[in-house]
Amino acid sequence: MSYRDGFIHSGTEKNMAAYRAMARRAGKVGREHGALGLQGVHRRDVRRASGPPSPGGELKAGEAVWFSFIVYKSRKTATACSRR
């Protein structure tokens, strides 16, 4: 069974290309240190009824919520990777 570390944050739509480029670099570095992969998704239409839209509160115009996670073979591998 694999282990995942997840991250939630908000960001502007205009920075989507830069975020994707950074995520590709992070995935490459993570795989060099033992991660199996990195996934990321974003939502523009998050409503309050589905939970807090972002760690800081309400989304502003042009913002989206990003959820990313890194997949590891095990928690032990994730811990070792984060210590590098």
PDB file of N, CA and C in Angstrom:
ATOM      1  N   MET A   1       0.842  -1.177   0.000  1.00  0.00           N
ATOM      2  CA  MET A   1       0.000   0.000   0.000  1.00  0.00           C
ATOM      3  C   MET A   1       0.888   1.241   0.000  1.00  0.00           C
ATOM      4  N   SER A   2       0.509   2.255  -0.753  1.00  0.00           N
ATOM      5  CA  SER A   2       1.313   3.476  -0.844  1.00  0.00           C
ATOM      6  C   SER A   2       0.909   4.496   0.224  1.00  0.00           C
ATOM      7  N   TYR A   3       1.715   5.536   0.346  1.00  0.00           N
ATOM      8  CA  TYR A   3       1.490   6.617   1.307  1.00  0.00           C
ATOM      9  C   TYR A   3       1.496   7.934   0.548  1.00  0.00           C
ATOM     10  N   ARG A   4       0.628   8.863   0.950  1.00  0.00           N
ATOM     11  CA  ARG A   4       0.536  10.162   0.283  1.00  0.00           C
ATOM     12  C   ARG A   4       0.649  11.305   1.283  1.00  0.00           C
ATOM     13  N   ASP A   5       1.380  12.340   0.882  1.00  0.00           N
ATOM     14  CA  ASP A   5       1.421  13.613   1.606  1.00  0.00           C
ATOM     15  C   ASP A   5       0.666  14.613   0.752  1.00  0.00           C
ATOM     16  N   GLY A   6      -0.311  15.320   1.334  1.00  0.00           N
ATOM     17  CA  GLY A   6      -1.117  16.256   0.570  1.00  0.00           C
ATOM     18  C   GLY A   6      -0.931  17.694   1.016  1.00  0.00           C
ATOM     19  N   PHE A   7      -1.207  18.607   0.096  1.00  0.00           N
ATOM     20  CA  PHE A   7      -1.049  20.035   0.330  1.00  0.00           C
ATOM     21  C   PHE A   7      -2.234  20.769  -0.284  1.00  0.00           C
ATOM     22  N   ILE A   8      -2.794  21.741   0.444  1.00  0.00           N
ATOM     23  CA  ILE A   8      -3.889  22.560  -0.065  1.00  0.00           C
ATOM     24  C   ILE A   8      -3.461  24.018   0.018  1.00  0.00           C
ATOM     25  N   HIS A   9      -3.673  24.754  -1.070  1.00  0.00           N
ATOM     26  CA  HIS A   9      -3.390  26.186  -1.052  1.00  0.00           C
ATOM     27  C   HIS A   9      -4.191  26.875  -2.144  1.00  0.00           C
ATOM     28  N   SER A  10      -4.309  28.179  -2.045  1.00  0.00           N
ATOM     29  CA  SER A  10      -5.002  28.935  -3.080  1.00  0.00           C
ATOM     30  C   SER A  10      -3.981  29.716  -3.898  1.00  0.00           C
ATOM     31  N   GLY A  11      -4.363  30.057  -5.111  1.00  0.00           N
ATOM     32  CA  GLY A  11      -3.483  30.826  -5.984  1.00  0.00           C
ATOM     33  C   GLY A  11      -4.283  31.465  -7.096  1.00  0.00           C
ATOM     34  N   THR A  12      -3.679  32.386  -7.793  1.00  0.00           N
ATOM     35  CA  THR A  12      -4.386  33.074  -8.860  1.00  0.00           C
ATOM     36  C   THR A  12      -4.351  32.269 -10.149  1.00  0.00           C
ATOM     37  N   GLU A  13      -5.406  32.414 -10.919  1.00  0.00           N
ATOM     38  CA  GLU A  13      -5.511  31.727 -12.209  1.00  0.00           C
ATOM     39  C   GLU A  13      -4.386  32.144 -13.147  1.00  0.00           C
ATOM     40  N   LYS A  14      -3.966  33.402 -13.077  1.00  0.00           N
ATOM     41  CA  LYS A  14      -2.931  33.872 -14.002  1.00  0.00           C
ATOM     42  C   LYS A  14      -1.584  33.193 -13.752  1.00  0.00           C
ATOM     43  N   ASN A  15      -1.404  32.588 -12.583  1.00  0.00           N
ATOM     44  CA  ASN A  15      -0.154  31.905 -12.257  1.00  0.00           C
ATOM     45  C   ASN A  15      -0.218  30.395 -12.495  1.00  0.00           C
ATOM     46  N   MET A  16      -1.264  29.929 -13.158  1.00  0.00           N
ATOM     47  CA  MET A  16      -1.446  28.488 -13.356  1.00  0.00           C
ATOM     48  C   MET A  16      -0.273  27.858 -14.111  1.00  0.00           C
ATOM     49  N   ALA A  17       0.205  28.482 -15.165  1.00  0.00           N
ATOM     50  CA  ALA A  17       1.313  27.914 -15.944  1.00  0.00           C
ATOM     51  C   ALA A  17       2.581  27.822 -15.095  1.00  0.00           C
ATOM     52  N   ALA A  18       2.843  28.854 -14.299  1.00  0.00           N
ATOM     53  CA  ALA A  18       4.026  28.844 -13.428  1.00  0.00           C
ATOM     54  C   ALA A  18       3.889  27.751 -12.360  1.00  0.00           C
ATOM     55  N   TYR A  19       2.672  27.580 -11.820  1.00  0.00           N
ATOM     56  CA  TYR A  19       2.455  26.545 -10.810  1.00  0.00           C
ATOM     57  C   TYR A  19       2.698  25.163 -11.420  1.00  0.00           C
ATOM     58  N   ARG A  20       2.194  24.937 -12.626  1.00  0.00           N
ATOM     59  CA  ARG A  20       2.391  23.625 -13.267  1.00  0.00           C
ATOM     60  C   ARG A  20       3.867  23.354 -13.525  1.00  0.00           C
ATOM     61  N   ALA A  21       4.609  24.383 -13.958  1.00  0.00           N
ATOM     62  CA  ALA A  21       6.056  24.212 -14.190  1.00  0.00           C
ATOM     63  C   ALA A  21       6.765  23.876 -12.885  1.00  0.00           C
ATOM     64  N   MET A  22       6.408  24.568 -11.809  1.00  0.00           N
ATOM     65  CA  MET A  22       7.008  24.296 -10.500  1.00  0.00           C
ATOM     66  C   MET A  22       6.655  22.882 -10.040  1.00  0.00           C
ATOM     67  N   ALA A  23       5.420  22.467 -10.279  1.00  0.00           N
ATOM     68  CA  ALA A  23       4.995  21.126  -9.875  1.00  0.00           C
ATOM     69  C   ALA A  23       5.771  20.047 -10.642  1.00  0.00           C
ATOM     70  N   ARG A  24       6.029  20.287 -11.932  1.00  0.00           N
ATOM     71  CA  ARG A  24       6.831  19.322 -12.708  1.00  0.00           C
ATOM     72  C   ARG A  24       8.246  19.211 -12.130  1.00  0.00           C
ATOM     73  N   ARG A  25       8.842  20.344 -11.791  1.00  0.00           N
ATOM     74  CA  ARG A  25      10.189  20.325 -11.185  1.00  0.00           C
ATOM     75  C   ARG A  25      10.162  19.613  -9.835  1.00  0.00           C
ATOM     76  N   ALA A  26       9.142  19.919  -9.019  1.00  0.00           N
ATOM     77  CA  ALA A  26       9.025  19.281  -7.708  1.00  0.00           C
ATOM     78  C   ALA A  26       8.850  17.771  -7.853  1.00  0.00           C
ATOM     79  N   GLY A  27       8.067  17.343  -8.840  1.00  0.00           N
ATOM     80  CA  GLY A  27       7.882  15.912  -9.078  1.00  0.00           C
ATOM     81  C   GLY A  27       9.179  15.228  -9.457  1.00  0.00           C
ATOM     82  N   LYS A  28       9.966  15.891 -10.292  1.00  0.00           N
ATOM     83  CA  LYS A  28      11.254  15.322 -10.703  1.00  0.00           C
ATOM     84  C   LYS A  28      12.190  15.183  -9.506  1.00  0.00           C
ATOM     85  N   VAL A  29      12.292  16.235  -8.707  1.00  0.00           N
ATOM     86  CA  VAL A  29      13.160  16.189  -7.519  1.00  0.00           C
ATOM     87  C   VAL A  29      12.653  15.135  -6.538  1.00  0.00           C
ATOM     88  N   GLY A  30      11.347  15.093  -6.342  1.00  0.00           N
ATOM     89  CA  GLY A  30      10.773  14.094  -5.433  1.00  0.00           C
ATOM     90  C   GLY A  30      11.091  12.677  -5.868  1.00  0.00           C
ATOM     91  N   ARG A  31      10.961  12.402  -7.174  1.00  0.00           N
ATOM     92  CA  ARG A  31      11.271  11.050  -7.678  1.00  0.00           C
ATOM     93  C   ARG A  31      12.749  10.715  -7.494  1.00  0.00           C
ATOM     94  N   GLU A  32      13.611  11.722  -7.600  1.00  0.00           N
ATOM     95  CA  GLU A  32      15.044  11.496  -7.364  1.00  0.00           C
ATOM     96  C   GLU A  32      15.313  11.084  -5.917  1.00  0.00           C
ATOM     97  N   HIS A  33      14.386  11.440  -5.021  1.00  0.00           N
ATOM     98  CA  HIS A  33      14.576  11.143  -3.595  1.00  0.00           C
ATOM     99  C   HIS A  33      13.619  10.079  -3.064  1.00  0.00           C
ATOM    100  N   GLY A  34      12.952   9.347  -3.958  1.00  0.00           N
ATOM    101  CA  GLY A  34      12.156   8.213  -3.508  1.00  0.00           C
ATOM    102  C   GLY A  34      10.657   8.305  -3.714  1.00  0.00           C
ATOM    103  N   ALA A  35      10.133   9.434  -4.165  1.00  0.00           N
ATOM    104  CA  ALA A  35       8.695   9.538  -4.422  1.00  0.00           C
ATOM    105  C   ALA A  35       8.344   8.757  -5.684  1.00  0.00           C
ATOM    106  N   LEU A  36       7.137   8.242  -5.734  1.00  0.00           N
ATOM    107  CA  LEU A  36       6.665   7.518  -6.919  1.00  0.00           C
ATOM    108  C   LEU A  36       6.028   8.469  -7.925  1.00  0.00           C
ATOM    109  N   GLY A  37       5.533   9.609  -7.462  1.00  0.00           N
ATOM    110  CA  GLY A  37       4.914  10.570  -8.363  1.00  0.00           C
ATOM    111  C   GLY A  37       4.286  11.724  -7.611  1.00  0.00           C
ATOM    112  N   LEU A  38       3.805  12.707  -8.363  1.00  0.00           N
ATOM    113  CA  LEU A  38       3.154  13.877  -7.806  1.00  0.00           C
ATOM    114  C   LEU A  38       1.917  14.168  -8.644  1.00  0.00           C
ATOM    115  N   GLN A  39       0.815  14.455  -7.989  1.00  0.00           N
ATOM    116  CA  GLN A  39      -0.432  14.800  -8.669  1.00  0.00           C
ATOM    117  C   GLN A  39      -0.930  16.136  -8.136  1.00  0.00           C
ATOM    118  N   GLY A  40      -1.594  16.891  -8.982  1.00  0.00           N
ATOM    119  CA  GLY A  40      -2.163  18.157  -8.553  1.00  0.00           C
ATOM    120  C   GLY A  40      -3.426  18.468  -9.324  1.00  0.00           C
ATOM    121  N   VAL A  41      -4.407  19.015  -8.636  1.00  0.00           N
ATOM    122  CA  VAL A  41      -5.659  19.414  -9.264  1.00  0.00           C
ATOM    123  C   VAL A  41      -6.052  20.776  -8.721  1.00  0.00           C
ATOM    124  N   HIS A  42      -6.883  21.496  -9.461  1.00  0.00           N
ATOM    125  CA  HIS A  42      -7.376  22.778  -8.974  1.00  0.00           C
ATOM    126  C   HIS A  42      -8.859  22.911  -9.283  1.00  0.00           C
ATOM    127  N   ARG A  43      -9.523  23.731  -8.473  1.00  0.00           N
ATOM    128  CA  ARG A  43     -10.943  24.009  -8.649  1.00  0.00           C
ATOM    129  C   ARG A  43     -11.162  25.507  -8.586  1.00  0.00           C
ATOM    130  N   ARG A  44     -11.956  26.014  -9.494  1.00  0.00           N
ATOM    131  CA  ARG A  44     -12.287  27.435  -9.502  1.00  0.00           C
ATOM    132  C   ARG A  44     -13.613  27.701  -8.809  1.00  0.00           C
ATOM    133  N   ASP A  45     -14.480  26.715  -8.794  1.00  0.00           N
ATOM    134  CA  ASP A  45     -15.861  26.927  -8.365  1.00  0.00           C
ATOM    135  C   ASP A  45     -16.184  26.322  -7.004  1.00  0.00           C
ATOM    136  N   VAL A  46     -15.261  26.405  -6.075  1.00  0.00           N
ATOM    137  CA  VAL A  46     -15.482  25.842  -4.754  1.00  0.00           C
ATOM    138  C   VAL A  46     -16.493  26.711  -4.008  1.00  0.00           C
ATOM    139  N   ARG A  47     -17.490  26.089  -3.455  1.00  0.00           N
ATOM    140  CA  ARG A  47     -18.531  26.786  -2.701  1.00  0.00           C
ATOM    141  C   ARG A  47     -18.335  26.553  -1.211  1.00  0.00           C
ATOM    142  N   ARG A  48     -18.794  27.450  -0.407  1.00  0.00           N
ATOM    143  CA  ARG A  48     -18.677  27.349   1.042  1.00  0.00           C
ATOM    144  C   ARG A  48     -19.338  26.062   1.554  1.00  0.00           C
ATOM    145  N   ALA A  49     -20.411  25.621   0.914  1.00  0.00           N
ATOM    146  CA  ALA A  49     -21.111  24.411   1.365  1.00  0.00           C
ATOM    147  C   ALA A  49     -20.236  23.172   1.294  1.00  0.00           C
ATOM    148  N   SER A  50     -19.211  23.174   0.442  1.00  0.00           N
ATOM    149  CA  SER A  50     -18.355  21.993   0.313  1.00  0.00           C
ATOM    150  C   SER A  50     -17.138  22.076   1.233  1.00  0.00           C
ATOM    151  N   GLY A  51     -17.129  23.033   2.132  1.00  0.00           N
ATOM    152  CA  GLY A  51     -16.033  23.178   3.078  1.00  0.00           C
ATOM    153  C   GLY A  51     -15.284  24.471   2.839  1.00  0.00           C
ATOM    154  N   PRO A  52     -14.310  24.743   3.658  1.00  0.00           N
ATOM    155  CA  PRO A  52     -13.532  25.975   3.480  1.00  0.00           C
ATOM    156  C   PRO A  52     -12.869  25.992   2.114  1.00  0.00           C
ATOM    157  N   PRO A  53     -13.013  27.070   1.337  1.00  0.00           N
ATOM    158  CA  PRO A  53     -12.468  27.093  -0.005  1.00  0.00           C
ATOM    159  C   PRO A  53     -10.961  27.224  -0.059  1.00  0.00           C
ATOM    160  N   SER A  54     -10.376  27.766   0.967  1.00  0.00           N
ATOM    161  CA  SER A  54      -8.925  27.916   0.974  1.00  0.00           C
ATOM    162  C   SER A  54      -8.457  28.037   2.411  1.00  0.00           C
ATOM    163  N   PRO A  55      -7.184  27.786   2.656  1.00  0.00           N
ATOM    164  CA  PRO A  55      -6.684  27.878   4.021  1.00  0.00           C
ATOM    165  C   PRO A  55      -6.911  29.249   4.656  1.00  0.00           C
ATOM    166  N   GLY A  56      -6.954  30.305   3.865  1.00  0.00           N
ATOM    167  CA  GLY A  56      -7.118  31.647   4.405  1.00  0.00           C
ATOM    168  C   GLY A  56      -8.533  32.161   4.425  1.00  0.00           C
ATOM    169  N   GLY A  57      -9.508  31.393   3.964  1.00  0.00           N
ATOM    170  CA  GLY A  57     -10.892  31.848   3.949  1.00  0.00           C
ATOM    171  C   GLY A  57     -11.480  31.849   2.558  1.00  0.00           C
ATOM    172  N   GLU A  58     -12.272  32.877   2.248  1.00  0.00           N
ATOM    173  CA  GLU A  58     -12.975  32.958   0.967  1.00  0.00           C
ATOM    174  C   GLU A  58     -12.022  33.209  -0.203  1.00  0.00           C
ATOM    175  N   LEU A  59     -12.355  32.633  -1.348  1.00  0.00           N
ATOM    176  CA  LEU A  59     -11.589  32.897  -2.569  1.00  0.00           C
ATOM    177  C   LEU A  59     -11.945  34.268  -3.112  1.00  0.00           C
ATOM    178  N   LYS A  60     -10.975  34.927  -3.675  1.00  0.00           N
ATOM    179  CA  LYS A  60     -11.195  36.201  -4.342  1.00  0.00           C
ATOM    180  C   LYS A  60     -11.369  35.935  -5.839  1.00  0.00           C
ATOM    181  N   ALA A  61     -11.847  36.942  -6.568  1.00  0.00           N
ATOM    182  CA  ALA A  61     -12.008  36.807  -8.015  1.00  0.00           C
ATOM    183  C   ALA A  61     -10.662  36.428  -8.638  1.00  0.00           C
ATOM    184  N   GLY A  62     -10.676  35.447  -9.528  1.00  0.00           N
ATOM    185  CA  GLY A  62      -9.455  35.030 -10.207  1.00  0.00           C
ATOM    186  C   GLY A  62      -8.604  34.038  -9.442  1.00  0.00           C
ATOM    187  N   GLU A  63      -9.085  33.580  -8.296  1.00  0.00           N
ATOM    188  CA  GLU A  63      -8.327  32.601  -7.506  1.00  0.00           C
ATOM    189  C   GLU A  63      -8.913  31.205  -7.673  1.00  0.00           C
ATOM    190  N   ALA A  64      -8.083  30.216  -7.421  1.00  0.00           N
ATOM    191  CA  ALA A  64      -8.490  28.816  -7.446  1.00  0.00           C
ATOM    192  C   ALA A  64      -7.854  28.109  -6.253  1.00  0.00           C
ATOM    193  N   VAL A  65      -8.437  26.992  -5.868  1.00  0.00           N
ATOM    194  CA  VAL A  65      -7.878  26.153  -4.809  1.00  0.00           C
ATOM    195  C   VAL A  65      -7.111  25.027  -5.473  1.00  0.00           C
ATOM    196  N   TRP A  66      -5.907  24.788  -5.004  1.00  0.00           N
ATOM    197  CA  TRP A  66      -5.048  23.721  -5.520  1.00  0.00           C
ATOM    198  C   TRP A  66      -4.907  22.640  -4.460  1.00  0.00           C
ATOM    199  N   PHE A  67      -5.020  21.390  -4.882  1.00  0.00           N
ATOM    200  CA  PHE A  67      -4.730  20.259  -4.010  1.00  0.00           C
ATOM    201  C   PHE A  67      -3.677  19.426  -4.712  1.00  0.00           C
ATOM    202  N   SER A  68      -2.566  19.228  -4.061  1.00  0.00           N
ATOM    203  CA  SER A  68      -1.469  18.440  -4.625  1.00  0.00           C
ATOM    204  C   SER A  68      -1.081  17.358  -3.633  1.00  0.00           C
ATOM    205  N   PHE A  69      -0.619  16.245  -4.155  1.00  0.00           N
ATOM    206  CA  PHE A  69      -0.116  15.209  -3.264  1.00  0.00           C
ATOM    207  C   PHE A  69       1.038  14.462  -3.916  1.00  0.00           C
ATOM    208  N   ILE A  70       1.943  14.014  -3.055  1.00  0.00           N
ATOM    209  CA  ILE A  70       3.102  13.235  -3.484  1.00  0.00           C
ATOM    210  C   ILE A  70       2.872  11.806  -3.031  1.00  0.00           C
ATOM    211  N   VAL A  71       3.105  10.864  -3.929  1.00  0.00           N
ATOM    212  CA  VAL A  71       2.902   9.438  -3.628  1.00  0.00           C
ATOM    213  C   VAL A  71       4.253   8.795  -3.332  1.00  0.00           C
ATOM    214  N   TYR A  72       4.298   8.078  -2.229  1.00  0.00           N
ATOM    215  CA  TYR A  72       5.502   7.353  -1.811  1.00  0.00           C
ATOM    216  C   TYR A  72       5.171   5.873  -1.659  1.00  0.00           C
ATOM    217  N   LYS A  73       6.191   5.049  -1.666  1.00  0.00           N
ATOM    218  CA  LYS A  73       6.002   3.607  -1.457  1.00  0.00           C
ATOM    219  C   LYS A  73       5.451   3.350  -0.054  1.00  0.00           C
ATOM    220  N   SER A  74       5.958   4.107   0.926  1.00  0.00           N
ATOM    221  CA  SER A  74       5.540   3.902   2.312  1.00  0.00           C
ATOM    222  C   SER A  74       5.751   5.194   3.102  1.00  0.00           C
ATOM    223  N   ARG A  75       5.218   5.241   4.312  1.00  0.00           N
ATOM    224  CA  ARG A  75       5.431   6.405   5.174  1.00  0.00           C
ATOM    225  C   ARG A  75       6.916   6.539   5.520  1.00  0.00           C
ATOM    226  N   LYS A  76       7.576   5.424   5.694  1.00  0.00           N
ATOM    227  CA  LYS A  76       9.009   5.441   5.985  1.00  0.00           C
ATOM    228  C   LYS A  76       9.773   6.121   4.859  1.00  0.00           C
ATOM    229  N   THR A  77       9.420   5.806   3.612  1.00  0.00           N
ATOM    230  CA  THR A  77      10.056   6.444   2.457  1.00  0.00           C
ATOM    231  C   THR A  77       9.762   7.939   2.435  1.00  0.00           C
ATOM    232  N   ALA A  78       8.533   8.330   2.742  1.00  0.00           N
ATOM    233  CA  ALA A  78       8.150   9.753   2.773  1.00  0.00           C
ATOM    234  C   ALA A  78       8.963  10.508   3.826  1.00  0.00           C
ATOM    235  N   THR A  79       9.105   9.920   4.994  1.00  0.00           N
ATOM    236  CA  THR A  79       9.873  10.549   6.060  1.00  0.00           C
ATOM    237  C   THR A  79      11.324  10.704   5.659  1.00  0.00           C
ATOM    238  N   ALA A  80      11.902   9.683   5.069  1.00  0.00           N
ATOM    239  CA  ALA A  80      13.298   9.750   4.625  1.00  0.00           C
ATOM    240  C   ALA A  80      13.449  10.801   3.537  1.00  0.00           C
ATOM    241  N   CYS A  81      12.501  10.890   2.626  1.00  0.00           N
ATOM    242  CA  CYS A  81      12.559  11.868   1.540  1.00  0.00           C
ATOM    243  C   CYS A  81      12.487  13.295   2.086  1.00  0.00           C
ATOM    244  N   SER A  82      11.638  13.531   3.073  1.00  0.00           N
ATOM    245  CA  SER A  82      11.484  14.880   3.620  1.00  0.00           C
ATOM    246  C   SER A  82      12.682  15.327   4.421  1.00  0.00           C
ATOM    247  N   ARG A  83      13.506  14.411   4.833  1.00  0.00           N
ATOM    248  CA  ARG A  83      14.706  14.759   5.627  1.00  0.00           C
ATOM    249  C   ARG A  83      15.893  15.082   4.743  1.00  0.00           C
ATOM    250  N   ARG A  84      15.778  14.891   3.443  1.00  0.00           N
ATOM    251  CA  ARG A  84      16.899  15.172   2.524  1.00  0.00           C
ATOM    252  C   ARG A  84      16.984  16.612   2.169  1.00  0.00           C
TER     253      ARG A  84
END
